[in-house]
Amino acid sequence: MSAETDLFAVLDAAAGLAALVSDRIYPVAIPEGKPLPAVVYLIAGEQRNVGLDLSSHGTATAFSLQAIAETYTAARAIGDAIEAALLAEGVPVDNRSAGLDDETGLFVDLIEITWWG
């Protein structure tokens, strides 16, 4: 399985997150016409760790996850649920921030992680 598949499985199985966004967890962008709130995730980068003998020692995949909602409170609650699901799998959050998307008027809670595989 890929890191992306593994991440989706963790998010999809999180009951607390499902209570807030149902099954609205999407790669890269929210499909047109889909309701909010939702979660969007994307790969921000991958680093393959290779030894001097060219043997593979795993891959670090950086993910950016966005909790998108119509209110700041809702976006932060979704972010909390994402963080709880990740921590239950032993994946710590590298960075977390929140803000307002000026173009859409929607609130975003941004979570950045590194997934080792």
PDB file of N, CA and C in Angstrom:
ATOM      1  N   MET A   1       0.835  -1.189   0.000  1.00  0.00           N
ATOM      2  CA  MET A   1       0.000   0.000   0.000  1.00  0.00           C
ATOM      3  C   MET A   1       0.876   1.247   0.000  1.00  0.00           C
ATOM      4  N   SER A   2       0.348   2.318  -0.532  1.00  0.00           N
ATOM      5  CA  SER A   2       1.084   3.578  -0.580  1.00  0.00           C
ATOM      6  C   SER A   2       0.790   4.404   0.668  1.00  0.00           C
ATOM      7  N   ALA A   3       1.616   5.389   0.907  1.00  0.00           N
ATOM      8  CA  ALA A   3       1.389   6.282   2.035  1.00  0.00           C
ATOM      9  C   ALA A   3       0.048   6.989   1.886  1.00  0.00           C
ATOM     10  N   GLU A   4      -0.297   7.358   0.668  1.00  0.00           N
ATOM     11  CA  GLU A   4      -1.571   8.040   0.420  1.00  0.00           C
ATOM     12  C   GLU A   4      -2.757   7.128   0.755  1.00  0.00           C
ATOM     13  N   THR A   5      -2.672   5.880   0.358  1.00  0.00           N
ATOM     14  CA  THR A   5      -3.719   4.910   0.664  1.00  0.00           C
ATOM     15  C   THR A   5      -3.830   4.691   2.167  1.00  0.00           C
ATOM     16  N   ASP A   6      -2.683   4.579   2.829  1.00  0.00           N
ATOM     17  CA  ASP A   6      -2.668   4.384   4.283  1.00  0.00           C
ATOM     18  C   ASP A   6      -3.273   5.581   5.013  1.00  0.00           C
ATOM     19  N   LEU A   7      -2.911   6.793   4.586  1.00  0.00           N
ATOM     20  CA  LEU A   7      -3.457   7.993   5.213  1.00  0.00           C
ATOM     21  C   LEU A   7      -4.973   8.044   5.036  1.00  0.00           C
ATOM     22  N   PHE A   8      -5.443   7.800   3.825  1.00  0.00           N
ATOM     23  CA  PHE A   8      -6.885   7.825   3.585  1.00  0.00           C
ATOM     24  C   PHE A   8      -7.600   6.808   4.470  1.00  0.00           C
ATOM     25  N   ALA A   9      -7.032   5.614   4.606  1.00  0.00           N
ATOM     26  CA  ALA A   9      -7.653   4.574   5.429  1.00  0.00           C
ATOM     27  C   ALA A   9      -7.790   5.035   6.881  1.00  0.00           C
ATOM     28  N   VAL A  10      -6.771   5.702   7.409  1.00  0.00           N
ATOM     29  CA  VAL A  10      -6.826   6.209   8.787  1.00  0.00           C
ATOM     30  C   VAL A  10      -7.919   7.263   8.923  1.00  0.00           C
ATOM     31  N   LEU A  11      -7.965   8.201   7.992  1.00  0.00           N
ATOM     32  CA  LEU A  11      -8.969   9.260   8.058  1.00  0.00           C
ATOM     33  C   LEU A  11     -10.371   8.705   7.874  1.00  0.00           C
ATOM     34  N   ASP A  12     -10.533   7.802   6.925  1.00  0.00           N
ATOM     35  CA  ASP A  12     -11.837   7.230   6.617  1.00  0.00           C
ATOM     36  C   ASP A  12     -12.393   6.401   7.776  1.00  0.00           C
ATOM     37  N   ALA A  13     -11.521   5.806   8.573  1.00  0.00           N
ATOM     38  CA  ALA A  13     -11.946   4.949   9.682  1.00  0.00           C
ATOM     39  C   ALA A  13     -12.180   5.719  10.985  1.00  0.00           C
ATOM     40  N   ALA A  14     -11.855   7.000  11.007  1.00  0.00           N
ATOM     41  CA  ALA A  14     -11.960   7.785  12.238  1.00  0.00           C
ATOM     42  C   ALA A  14     -13.406   8.214  12.489  1.00  0.00           C
ATOM     43  N   ALA A  15     -14.015   7.630  13.497  1.00  0.00           N
ATOM     44  CA  ALA A  15     -15.423   7.914  13.798  1.00  0.00           C
ATOM     45  C   ALA A  15     -15.646   9.384  14.133  1.00  0.00           C
ATOM     46  N   GLY A  16     -14.743   9.983  14.882  1.00  0.00           N
ATOM     47  CA  GLY A  16     -14.895  11.394  15.244  1.00  0.00           C
ATOM     48  C   GLY A  16     -14.866  12.305  14.026  1.00  0.00           C
ATOM     49  N   LEU A  17     -14.022  11.978  13.077  1.00  0.00           N
ATOM     50  CA  LEU A  17     -13.949  12.758  11.846  1.00  0.00           C
ATOM     51  C   LEU A  17     -15.197  12.542  10.990  1.00  0.00           C
ATOM     52  N   ALA A  18     -15.637  11.297  10.899  1.00  0.00           N
ATOM     53  CA  ALA A  18     -16.839  10.980  10.111  1.00  0.00           C
ATOM     54  C   ALA A  18     -18.065  11.708  10.656  1.00  0.00           C
ATOM     55  N   ALA A  19     -18.121  11.894  11.968  1.00  0.00           N
ATOM     56  CA  ALA A  19     -19.251  12.610  12.562  1.00  0.00           C
ATOM     57  C   ALA A  19     -19.314  14.063  12.091  1.00  0.00           C
ATOM     58  N   LEU A  20     -18.170  14.597  11.681  1.00  0.00           N
ATOM     59  CA  LEU A  20     -18.104  16.002  11.266  1.00  0.00           C
ATOM     60  C   LEU A  20     -18.180  16.201   9.754  1.00  0.00           C
ATOM     61  N   VAL A  21     -17.577  15.269   8.989  1.00  0.00           N
ATOM     62  CA  VAL A  21     -17.513  15.461   7.529  1.00  0.00           C
ATOM     63  C   VAL A  21     -18.129  14.319   6.734  1.00  0.00           C
ATOM     64  N   SER A  22     -18.686  13.335   7.410  1.00  0.00           N
ATOM     65  CA  SER A  22     -19.223  12.146   6.741  1.00  0.00           C
ATOM     66  C   SER A  22     -18.093  11.497   5.935  1.00  0.00           C
ATOM     67  N   ASP A  23     -18.308  11.267   4.645  1.00  0.00           N
ATOM     68  CA  ASP A  23     -17.274  10.641   3.816  1.00  0.00           C
ATOM     69  C   ASP A  23     -16.594  11.645   2.889  1.00  0.00           C
ATOM     70  N   ARG A  24     -16.681  12.939   3.221  1.00  0.00           N
ATOM     71  CA  ARG A  24     -16.129  13.991   2.361  1.00  0.00           C
ATOM     72  C   ARG A  24     -14.644  14.206   2.653  1.00  0.00           C
ATOM     73  N   ILE A  25     -13.837  13.243   2.218  1.00  0.00           N
ATOM     74  CA  ILE A  25     -12.381  13.275   2.346  1.00  0.00           C
ATOM     75  C   ILE A  25     -11.831  13.080   0.934  1.00  0.00           C
ATOM     76  N   TYR A  26     -11.156  14.107   0.417  1.00  0.00           N
ATOM     77  CA  TYR A  26     -10.780  14.096  -0.993  1.00  0.00           C
ATOM     78  C   TYR A  26      -9.287  14.352  -1.199  1.00  0.00           C
ATOM     79  N   PRO A  27      -8.703  13.729  -2.227  1.00  0.00           N
ATOM     80  CA  PRO A  27      -7.334  14.076  -2.605  1.00  0.00           C
ATOM     81  C   PRO A  27      -7.330  15.364  -3.437  1.00  0.00           C
ATOM     82  N   VAL A  28      -6.416  16.240  -3.152  1.00  0.00           N
ATOM     83  CA  VAL A  28      -6.087  17.451  -3.916  1.00  0.00           C
ATOM     84  C   VAL A  28      -7.136  18.568  -3.837  1.00  0.00           C
ATOM     85  N   ALA A  29      -8.407  18.296  -4.137  1.00  0.00           N
ATOM     86  CA  ALA A  29      -9.414  19.359  -4.143  1.00  0.00           C
ATOM     87  C   ALA A  29     -10.801  18.778  -3.904  1.00  0.00           C
ATOM     88  N   ILE A  30     -11.715  19.631  -3.450  1.00  0.00           N
ATOM     89  CA  ILE A  30     -13.104  19.220  -3.294  1.00  0.00           C
ATOM     90  C   ILE A  30     -13.740  19.194  -4.680  1.00  0.00           C
ATOM     91  N   PRO A  31     -14.323  18.080  -5.065  1.00  0.00           N
ATOM     92  CA  PRO A  31     -14.997  18.036  -6.366  1.00  0.00           C
ATOM     93  C   PRO A  31     -16.120  19.079  -6.440  1.00  0.00           C
ATOM     94  N   GLU A  32     -16.305  19.637  -7.601  1.00  0.00           N
ATOM     95  CA  GLU A  32     -17.321  20.672  -7.798  1.00  0.00           C
ATOM     96  C   GLU A  32     -18.706  20.170  -7.389  1.00  0.00           C
ATOM     97  N   GLY A  33     -19.402  21.010  -6.668  1.00  0.00           N
ATOM     98  CA  GLY A  33     -20.765  20.694  -6.266  1.00  0.00           C
ATOM     99  C   GLY A  33     -20.893  19.890  -4.987  1.00  0.00           C
ATOM    100  N   LYS A  34     -19.781  19.482  -4.385  1.00  0.00           N
ATOM    101  CA  LYS A  34     -19.840  18.711  -3.145  1.00  0.00           C
ATOM    102  C   LYS A  34     -20.048  19.654  -1.962  1.00  0.00           C
ATOM    103  N   PRO A  35     -20.838  19.231  -0.970  1.00  0.00           N
ATOM    104  CA  PRO A  35     -21.109  20.100   0.183  1.00  0.00           C
ATOM    105  C   PRO A  35     -19.924  20.169   1.145  1.00  0.00           C
ATOM    106  N   LEU A  36     -20.011  21.143   2.022  1.00  0.00           N
ATOM    107  CA  LEU A  36     -19.026  21.311   3.091  1.00  0.00           C
ATOM    108  C   LEU A  36     -19.675  20.891   4.407  1.00  0.00           C
ATOM    109  N   PRO A  37     -18.897  20.648   5.431  1.00  0.00           N
ATOM    110  CA  PRO A  37     -17.445  20.718   5.489  1.00  0.00           C
ATOM    111  C   PRO A  37     -16.795  19.501   4.825  1.00  0.00           C
ATOM    112  N   ALA A  38     -15.477  19.612   4.608  1.00  0.00           N
ATOM    113  CA  ALA A  38     -14.751  18.531   3.959  1.00  0.00           C
ATOM    114  C   ALA A  38     -13.283  18.573   4.362  1.00  0.00           C
ATOM    115  N   VAL A  39     -12.596  17.492   4.034  1.00  0.00           N
ATOM    116  CA  VAL A  39     -11.152  17.389   4.245  1.00  0.00           C
ATOM    117  C   VAL A  39     -10.501  17.153   2.888  1.00  0.00           C
ATOM    118  N   VAL A  40      -9.423  17.878   2.642  1.00  0.00           N
ATOM    119  CA  VAL A  40      -8.637  17.706   1.428  1.00  0.00           C
ATOM    120  C   VAL A  40      -7.207  17.385   1.858  1.00  0.00           C
ATOM    121  N   TYR A  41      -6.612  16.389   1.206  1.00  0.00           N
ATOM    122  CA  TYR A  41      -5.210  16.063   1.501  1.00  0.00           C
ATOM    123  C   TYR A  41      -4.428  15.997   0.198  1.00  0.00           C
ATOM    124  N   LEU A  42      -3.150  16.340   0.296  1.00  0.00           N
ATOM    125  CA  LEU A  42      -2.290  16.215  -0.873  1.00  0.00           C
ATOM    126  C   LEU A  42      -0.862  15.941  -0.442  1.00  0.00           C
ATOM    127  N   ILE A  43      -0.125  15.341  -1.350  1.00  0.00           N
ATOM    128  CA  ILE A  43       1.278  15.051  -1.089  1.00  0.00           C
ATOM    129  C   ILE A  43       2.071  16.326  -1.349  1.00  0.00           C
ATOM    130  N   ALA A  44       2.756  16.806  -0.323  1.00  0.00           N
ATOM    131  CA  ALA A  44       3.560  18.016  -0.443  1.00  0.00           C
ATOM    132  C   ALA A  44       4.993  17.692  -0.855  1.00  0.00           C
ATOM    133  N   GLY A  45       5.393  16.431  -0.691  1.00  0.00           N
ATOM    134  CA  GLY A  45       6.737  16.014  -1.083  1.00  0.00           C
ATOM    135  C   GLY A  45       7.027  14.603  -0.609  1.00  0.00           C
ATOM    136  N   GLU A  46       7.978  13.981  -1.265  1.00  0.00           N
ATOM    137  CA  GLU A  46       8.419  12.638  -0.881  1.00  0.00           C
ATOM    138  C   GLU A  46       9.939  12.599  -0.879  1.00  0.00           C
ATOM    139  N   GLN A  47      10.485  11.942   0.131  1.00  0.00           N
ATOM    140  CA  GLN A  47      11.928  11.773   0.205  1.00  0.00           C
ATOM    141  C   GLN A  47      12.226  10.301   0.425  1.00  0.00           C
ATOM    142  N   ARG A  48      12.856   9.698  -0.540  1.00  0.00           N
ATOM    143  CA  ARG A  48      13.245   8.298  -0.422  1.00  0.00           C
ATOM    144  C   ARG A  48      14.598   8.236   0.291  1.00  0.00           C
ATOM    145  N   ASN A  49      14.660   7.409   1.308  1.00  0.00           N
ATOM    146  CA  ASN A  49      15.891   7.248   2.076  1.00  0.00           C
ATOM    147  C   ASN A  49      16.612   6.015   1.575  1.00  0.00           C
ATOM    148  N   VAL A  50      17.779   6.242   0.985  1.00  0.00           N
ATOM    149  CA  VAL A  50      18.562   5.175   0.372  1.00  0.00           C
ATOM    150  C   VAL A  50      19.937   5.138   1.022  1.00  0.00           C
ATOM    151  N   GLY A  51      20.386   3.933   1.363  1.00  0.00           N
ATOM    152  CA  GLY A  51      21.691   3.760   1.969  1.00  0.00           C
ATOM    153  C   GLY A  51      22.812   3.858   0.949  1.00  0.00           C
ATOM    154  N   LEU A  52      24.035   3.872   1.455  1.00  0.00           N
ATOM    155  CA  LEU A  52      25.200   3.939   0.567  1.00  0.00           C
ATOM    156  C   LEU A  52      25.281   2.737  -0.373  1.00  0.00           C
ATOM    157  N   ASP A  53      24.714   1.615   0.067  1.00  0.00           N
ATOM    158  CA  ASP A  53      24.698   0.417  -0.776  1.00  0.00           C
ATOM    159  C   ASP A  53      23.477   0.390  -1.702  1.00  0.00           C
ATOM    160  N   LEU A  54      22.757   1.539  -1.767  1.00  0.00           N
ATOM    161  CA  LEU A  54      21.563   1.722  -2.588  1.00  0.00           C
ATOM    162  C   LEU A  54      20.351   0.908  -2.123  1.00  0.00           C
ATOM    163  N   SER A  55      20.414   0.411  -0.882  1.00  0.00           N
ATOM    164  CA  SER A  55      19.252  -0.289  -0.329  1.00  0.00           C
ATOM    165  C   SER A  55      18.249   0.744   0.189  1.00  0.00           C
ATOM    166  N   SER A  56      16.974   0.415   0.081  1.00  0.00           N
ATOM    167  CA  SER A  56      15.916   1.323   0.503  1.00  0.00           C
ATOM    168  C   SER A  56      15.723   1.254   2.012  1.00  0.00           C
ATOM    169  N   HIS A  57      15.613   2.415   2.621  1.00  0.00           N
ATOM    170  CA  HIS A  57      15.360   2.506   4.052  1.00  0.00           C
ATOM    171  C   HIS A  57      14.046   3.211   4.340  1.00  0.00           C
ATOM    172  N   GLY A  58      13.153   3.208   3.365  1.00  0.00           N
ATOM    173  CA  GLY A  58      11.833   3.795   3.548  1.00  0.00           C
ATOM    174  C   GLY A  58      11.680   5.128   2.851  1.00  0.00           C
ATOM    175  N   THR A  59      10.482   5.635   2.945  1.00  0.00           N
ATOM    176  CA  THR A  59      10.142   6.907   2.315  1.00  0.00           C
ATOM    177  C   THR A  59       9.415   7.793   3.318  1.00  0.00           C
ATOM    178  N   ALA A  60       9.808   9.045   3.359  1.00  0.00           N
ATOM    179  CA  ALA A  60       9.111  10.043   4.164  1.00  0.00           C
ATOM    180  C   ALA A  60       8.222  10.843   3.220  1.00  0.00           C
ATOM    181  N   THR A  61       6.924  10.747   3.425  1.00  0.00           N
ATOM    182  CA  THR A  61       5.976  11.471   2.591  1.00  0.00           C
ATOM    183  C   THR A  61       5.383  12.607   3.405  1.00  0.00           C
ATOM    184  N   ALA A  62       5.559  13.826   2.925  1.00  0.00           N
ATOM    185  CA  ALA A  62       4.987  14.999   3.580  1.00  0.00           C
ATOM    186  C   ALA A  62       3.585  15.223   3.022  1.00  0.00           C
ATOM    187  N   PHE A  63       2.620  15.317   3.914  1.00  0.00           N
ATOM    188  CA  PHE A  63       1.235  15.563   3.523  1.00  0.00           C
ATOM    189  C   PHE A  63       0.771  16.895   4.081  1.00  0.00           C
ATOM    190  N   SER A  64      -0.079  17.545   3.327  1.00  0.00           N
ATOM    191  CA  SER A  64      -0.794  18.732   3.771  1.00  0.00           C
ATOM    192  C   SER A  64      -2.271  18.358   3.800  1.00  0.00           C
ATOM    193  N   LEU A  65      -2.896  18.522   4.954  1.00  0.00           N
ATOM    194  CA  LEU A  65      -4.318  18.214   5.109  1.00  0.00           C
ATOM    195  C   LEU A  65      -5.050  19.501   5.456  1.00  0.00           C
ATOM    196  N   GLN A  66      -6.164  19.732   4.788  1.00  0.00           N
ATOM    197  CA  GLN A  66      -6.943  20.938   5.030  1.00  0.00           C
ATOM    198  C   GLN A  66      -8.348  20.572   5.478  1.00  0.00           C
ATOM    199  N   ALA A  67      -8.718  21.075   6.639  1.00  0.00           N
ATOM    200  CA  ALA A  67     -10.102  20.972   7.113  1.00  0.00           C
ATOM    201  C   ALA A  67     -10.789  22.243   6.645  1.00  0.00           C
ATOM    202  N   ILE A  68     -11.781  22.110   5.787  1.00  0.00           N
ATOM    203  CA  ILE A  68     -12.423  23.275   5.167  1.00  0.00           C
ATOM    204  C   ILE A  68     -13.882  23.341   5.618  1.00  0.00           C
ATOM    205  N   ALA A  69     -14.262  24.512   6.126  1.00  0.00           N
ATOM    206  CA  ALA A  69     -15.629  24.685   6.639  1.00  0.00           C
ATOM    207  C   ALA A  69     -16.065  26.132   6.493  1.00  0.00           C
ATOM    208  N   GLU A  70     -17.341  26.364   6.734  1.00  0.00           N
ATOM    209  CA  GLU A  70     -17.893  27.705   6.599  1.00  0.00           C
ATOM    210  C   GLU A  70     -17.666  28.568   7.827  1.00  0.00           C
ATOM    211  N   THR A  71     -17.264  27.945   8.957  1.00  0.00           N
ATOM    212  CA  THR A  71     -16.956  28.709  10.165  1.00  0.00           C
ATOM    213  C   THR A  71     -15.584  28.297  10.697  1.00  0.00           C
ATOM    214  N   TYR A  72     -14.976  29.223  11.417  1.00  0.00           N
ATOM    215  CA  TYR A  72     -13.677  28.959  12.032  1.00  0.00           C
ATOM    216  C   TYR A  72     -13.791  27.814  13.043  1.00  0.00           C
ATOM    217  N   THR A  73     -14.836  27.850  13.852  1.00  0.00           N
ATOM    218  CA  THR A  73     -15.034  26.831  14.884  1.00  0.00           C
ATOM    219  C   THR A  73     -15.160  25.441  14.267  1.00  0.00           C
ATOM    220  N   ALA A  74     -15.903  25.327  13.181  1.00  0.00           N
ATOM    221  CA  ALA A  74     -16.073  24.031  12.519  1.00  0.00           C
ATOM    222  C   ALA A  74     -14.762  23.542  11.921  1.00  0.00           C
ATOM    223  N   ALA A  75     -14.009  24.435  11.289  1.00  0.00           N
ATOM    224  CA  ALA A  75     -12.726  24.037  10.704  1.00  0.00           C
ATOM    225  C   ALA A  75     -11.770  23.538  11.788  1.00  0.00           C
ATOM    226  N   ARG A  76     -11.723  24.227  12.916  1.00  0.00           N
ATOM    227  CA  ARG A  76     -10.835  23.809  14.010  1.00  0.00           C
ATOM    228  C   ARG A  76     -11.286  22.475  14.611  1.00  0.00           C
ATOM    229  N   ALA A  77     -12.585  22.257  14.741  1.00  0.00           N
ATOM    230  CA  ALA A  77     -13.084  20.986  15.271  1.00  0.00           C
ATOM    231  C   ALA A  77     -12.703  19.827  14.343  1.00  0.00           C
ATOM    232  N   ILE A  78     -12.809  20.047  13.055  1.00  0.00           N
ATOM    233  CA  ILE A  78     -12.401  19.013  12.091  1.00  0.00           C
ATOM    234  C   ILE A  78     -10.903  18.780  12.202  1.00  0.00           C
ATOM    235  N   GLY A  79     -10.136  19.850  12.321  1.00  0.00           N
ATOM    236  CA  GLY A  79      -8.693  19.714  12.509  1.00  0.00           C
ATOM    237  C   GLY A  79      -8.352  18.912  13.760  1.00  0.00           C
ATOM    238  N   ASP A  80      -9.087  19.156  14.841  1.00  0.00           N
ATOM    239  CA  ASP A  80      -8.876  18.385  16.079  1.00  0.00           C
ATOM    240  C   ASP A  80      -9.146  16.903  15.847  1.00  0.00           C
ATOM    241  N   ALA A  81     -10.203  16.601  15.086  1.00  0.00           N
ATOM    242  CA  ALA A  81     -10.543  15.200  14.802  1.00  0.00           C
ATOM    243  C   ALA A  81      -9.485  14.549  13.919  1.00  0.00           C
ATOM    244  N   ILE A  82      -8.959  15.293  12.968  1.00  0.00           N
ATOM    245  CA  ILE A  82      -7.867  14.772  12.130  1.00  0.00           C
ATOM    246  C   ILE A  82      -6.650  14.477  12.992  1.00  0.00           C
ATOM    247  N   GLU A  83      -6.287  15.436  13.834  1.00  0.00           N
ATOM    248  CA  GLU A  83      -5.117  15.256  14.696  1.00  0.00           C
ATOM    249  C   GLU A  83      -5.296  14.057  15.623  1.00  0.00           C
ATOM    250  N   ALA A  84      -6.473  13.875  16.186  1.00  0.00           N
ATOM    251  CA  ALA A  84      -6.728  12.730  17.068  1.00  0.00           C
ATOM    252  C   ALA A  84      -6.576  11.411  16.312  1.00  0.00           C
ATOM    253  N   ALA A  85      -7.095  11.353  15.088  1.00  0.00           N
ATOM    254  CA  ALA A  85      -6.988  10.130  14.286  1.00  0.00           C
ATOM    255  C   ALA A  85      -5.531   9.824  13.963  1.00  0.00           C
ATOM    256  N   LEU A  86      -4.756  10.850  13.639  1.00  0.00           N
ATOM    257  CA  LEU A  86      -3.344  10.654  13.321  1.00  0.00           C
ATOM    258  C   LEU A  86      -2.554  10.206  14.552  1.00  0.00           C
ATOM    259  N   LEU A  87      -2.810  10.861  15.678  1.00  0.00           N
ATOM    260  CA  LEU A  87      -2.089  10.503  16.906  1.00  0.00           C
ATOM    261  C   LEU A  87      -2.413   9.083  17.348  1.00  0.00           C
ATOM    262  N   ALA A  88      -3.647   8.636  17.122  1.00  0.00           N
ATOM    263  CA  ALA A  88      -4.015   7.255  17.459  1.00  0.00           C
ATOM    264  C   ALA A  88      -3.219   6.253  16.628  1.00  0.00           C
ATOM    265  N   GLU A  89      -2.738   6.668  15.473  1.00  0.00           N
ATOM    266  CA  GLU A  89      -1.908   5.814  14.610  1.00  0.00           C
ATOM    267  C   GLU A  89      -0.420   6.049  14.834  1.00  0.00           C
ATOM    268  N   GLY A  90      -0.075   6.917  15.786  1.00  0.00           N
ATOM    269  CA  GLY A  90       1.326   7.201  16.075  1.00  0.00           C
ATOM    270  C   GLY A  90       1.963   8.190  15.113  1.00  0.00           C
ATOM    271  N   VAL A  91       1.143   8.993  14.433  1.00  0.00           N
ATOM    272  CA  VAL A  91       1.655   9.983  13.484  1.00  0.00           C
ATOM    273  C   VAL A  91       1.502  11.374  14.106  1.00  0.00           C
ATOM    274  N   PRO A  92       2.617  11.988  14.521  1.00  0.00           N
ATOM    275  CA  PRO A  92       2.511  13.320  15.120  1.00  0.00           C
ATOM    276  C   PRO A  92       2.316  14.402  14.058  1.00  0.00           C
ATOM    277  N   VAL A  93       1.752  15.510  14.482  1.00  0.00           N
ATOM    278  CA  VAL A  93       1.569  16.657  13.596  1.00  0.00           C
ATOM    279  C   VAL A  93       2.861  17.476  13.590  1.00  0.00           C
ATOM    280  N   ASP A  94       3.351  17.795  12.388  1.00  0.00           N
ATOM    281  CA  ASP A  94       4.558  18.608  12.264  1.00  0.00           C
ATOM    282  C   ASP A  94       4.251  20.090  12.436  1.00  0.00           C
ATOM    283  N   ASN A  95       3.113  20.519  11.892  1.00  0.00           N
ATOM    284  CA  ASN A  95       2.739  21.925  11.955  1.00  0.00           C
ATOM    285  C   ASN A  95       1.222  22.032  11.796  1.00  0.00           C
ATOM    286  N   ARG A  96       0.657  23.035  12.456  1.00  0.00           N
ATOM    287  CA  ARG A  96      -0.789  23.258  12.330  1.00  0.00           C
ATOM    288  C   ARG A  96      -1.050  24.754  12.378  1.00  0.00           C
ATOM    289  N   SER A  97      -1.885  25.215  11.459  1.00  0.00           N
ATOM    290  CA  SER A  97      -2.246  26.621  11.421  1.00  0.00           C
ATOM    291  C   SER A  97      -3.675  26.746  10.912  1.00  0.00           C
ATOM    292  N   ALA A  98      -4.249  27.920  11.087  1.00  0.00           N
ATOM    293  CA  ALA A  98      -5.628  28.135  10.653  1.00  0.00           C
ATOM    294  C   ALA A  98      -5.744  29.497  10.005  1.00  0.00           C
ATOM    295  N   GLY A  99      -6.732  29.625   9.133  1.00  0.00           N
ATOM    296  CA  GLY A  99      -6.919  30.916   8.492  1.00  0.00           C
ATOM    297  C   GLY A  99      -8.177  30.957   7.655  1.00  0.00           C
ATOM    298  N   LEU A 100      -8.306  32.052   6.933  1.00  0.00           N
ATOM    299  CA  LEU A 100      -9.441  32.308   6.070  1.00  0.00           C
ATOM    300  C   LEU A 100      -8.948  32.388   4.637  1.00  0.00           C
ATOM    301  N   ASP A 101      -9.596  31.659   3.745  1.00  0.00           N
ATOM    302  CA  ASP A 101      -9.270  31.735   2.321  1.00  0.00           C
ATOM    303  C   ASP A 101     -10.011  32.951   1.762  1.00  0.00           C
ATOM    304  N   ASP A 102      -9.274  33.985   1.385  1.00  0.00           N
ATOM    305  CA  ASP A 102      -9.880  35.232   0.914  1.00  0.00           C
ATOM    306  C   ASP A 102     -10.720  35.050  -0.348  1.00  0.00           C
ATOM    307  N   GLU A 103     -10.320  34.135  -1.204  1.00  0.00           N
ATOM    308  CA  GLU A 103     -11.053  33.919  -2.460  1.00  0.00           C
ATOM    309  C   GLU A 103     -12.427  33.307  -2.237  1.00  0.00           C
ATOM    310  N   THR A 104     -12.493  32.320  -1.336  1.00  0.00           N
ATOM    311  CA  THR A 104     -13.753  31.585  -1.145  1.00  0.00           C
ATOM    312  C   THR A 104     -14.540  32.038   0.082  1.00  0.00           C
ATOM    313  N   GLY A 105     -13.868  32.701   1.021  1.00  0.00           N
ATOM    314  CA  GLY A 105     -14.513  33.077   2.270  1.00  0.00           C
ATOM    315  C   GLY A 105     -14.667  31.910   3.229  1.00  0.00           C
ATOM    316  N   LEU A 106     -13.971  30.803   2.932  1.00  0.00           N
ATOM    317  CA  LEU A 106     -14.056  29.614   3.780  1.00  0.00           C
ATOM    318  C   LEU A 106     -12.887  29.570   4.752  1.00  0.00           C
ATOM    319  N   PHE A 107     -13.130  28.930   5.891  1.00  0.00           N
ATOM    320  CA  PHE A 107     -12.096  28.774   6.904  1.00  0.00           C
ATOM    321  C   PHE A 107     -11.361  27.459   6.690  1.00  0.00           C
ATOM    322  N   VAL A 108     -10.057  27.502   6.938  1.00  0.00           N
ATOM    323  CA  VAL A 108      -9.201  26.332   6.714  1.00  0.00           C
ATOM    324  C   VAL A 108      -8.344  26.100   7.949  1.00  0.00           C
ATOM    325  N   ASP A 109      -8.321  24.866   8.410  1.00  0.00           N
ATOM    326  CA  ASP A 109      -7.382  24.439   9.441  1.00  0.00           C
ATOM    327  C   ASP A 109      -6.377  23.555   8.721  1.00  0.00           C
ATOM    328  N   LEU A 110      -5.130  23.977   8.648  1.00  0.00           N
ATOM    329  CA  LEU A 110      -4.089  23.292   7.888  1.00  0.00           C
ATOM    330  C   LEU A 110      -3.226  22.450   8.816  1.00  0.00           C
ATOM    331  N   ILE A 111      -3.080  21.184   8.475  1.00  0.00           N
ATOM    332  CA  ILE A 111      -2.262  20.253   9.253  1.00  0.00           C
ATOM    333  C   ILE A 111      -1.216  19.661   8.328  1.00  0.00           C
ATOM    334  N   GLU A 112       0.042  19.707   8.764  1.00  0.00           N
ATOM    335  CA  GLU A 112       1.147  19.135   7.993  1.00  0.00           C
ATOM    336  C   GLU A 112       1.757  17.989   8.780  1.00  0.00           C
ATOM    337  N   ILE A 113       1.963  16.873   8.094  1.00  0.00           N
ATOM    338  CA  ILE A 113       2.535  15.689   8.735  1.00  0.00           C
ATOM    339  C   ILE A 113       3.600  15.070   7.832  1.00  0.00           C
ATOM    340  N   THR A 114       4.393  14.205   8.438  1.00  0.00           N
ATOM    341  CA  THR A 114       5.318  13.354   7.688  1.00  0.00           C
ATOM    342  C   THR A 114       4.940  11.908   7.968  1.00  0.00           C
ATOM    343  N   TRP A 115       4.657  11.176   6.900  1.00  0.00           N
ATOM    344  CA  TRP A 115       4.254   9.767   7.002  1.00  0.00           C
ATOM    345  C   TRP A 115       5.438   8.916   6.580  1.00  0.00           C
ATOM    346  N   TRP A 116       5.923   8.111   7.490  1.00  0.00           N
ATOM    347  CA  TRP A 116       7.084   7.247   7.191  1.00  0.00           C
ATOM    348  C   TRP A 116       6.612   5.878   6.748  1.00  0.00           C
ATOM    349  N   GLY A 117       7.180   5.405   5.671  1.00  0.00           N
ATOM    350  CA  GLY A 117       6.807   4.089   5.189  1.00  0.00           C
ATOM    351  C   GLY A 117       7.942   3.401   4.479  1.00  0.00           C
TER     352      GLY A 117
END
